[in-house]
Amino acid sequence: MEQLLSLAQYDDAGSEQQAPITAFDHVVKDVVSDFLPLAEARSVDLGFERNESVSIRADATALAVLVCNLIDNALRHTPEGGRIDINLFREGGRAVLRVEDTGSGIPEAAVGRIFEPFYRSSQAEGDGTGLGLSIARRIADRLAGSIELENIAAQDRSGLRVIVSIPIVGKCADSMVP
């Protein structure tokens, strides 16, 4: 029910022009710390590779929902003993949040549908509703941002990489090269 309410709340792809300036890095740290007990219980190494100070114009609650949905998904699909790496950094006037797991990734047939509400791929396990990525996309859209998924298919690992990009604010935002 909570996810349905979130979906409806973020369904309006309106502008966040009046939103406060929020320290994105603080929000990400808080969300990661909330998930640490669950990750430890499953022997999943959840942590930061990079966490730069980045401010964006956004409601902190919306950002927390976005990050929470991404980390929750990563934990659901990362096997026991796996790893989830979080990166937050500036790139060309944008804040980039990258979440990488060591799960099995998304079947190619599901990539085009994965952001649809209630869609769950055939590999989905557990009691998820299929709303988390849809909510995350809607929040990113409201923030004039984007969200992309990439399967990781390296010789030594597999998994999913989720990349969220949102415009930053501050003196450096306008002067950075895109």
Foldseek 3Di string as FASTA:
>chain_A
DVLVVLCVVLVPLAALVVAAKDFLLVLLVVLQVVCVVVCVVLQEAEDEPARDGFIARDHSVLSNLLNNLVVVVQSQFAHRNWYWYWHWDDDQQKIKIKIKIQGAFAPPVCQVPQLPFQDDGPPGDDDDRSRSSVSNQSSLSNQVKGKHKDWDDDPVTTTIMIMIIGGTDDPVNVVGHD
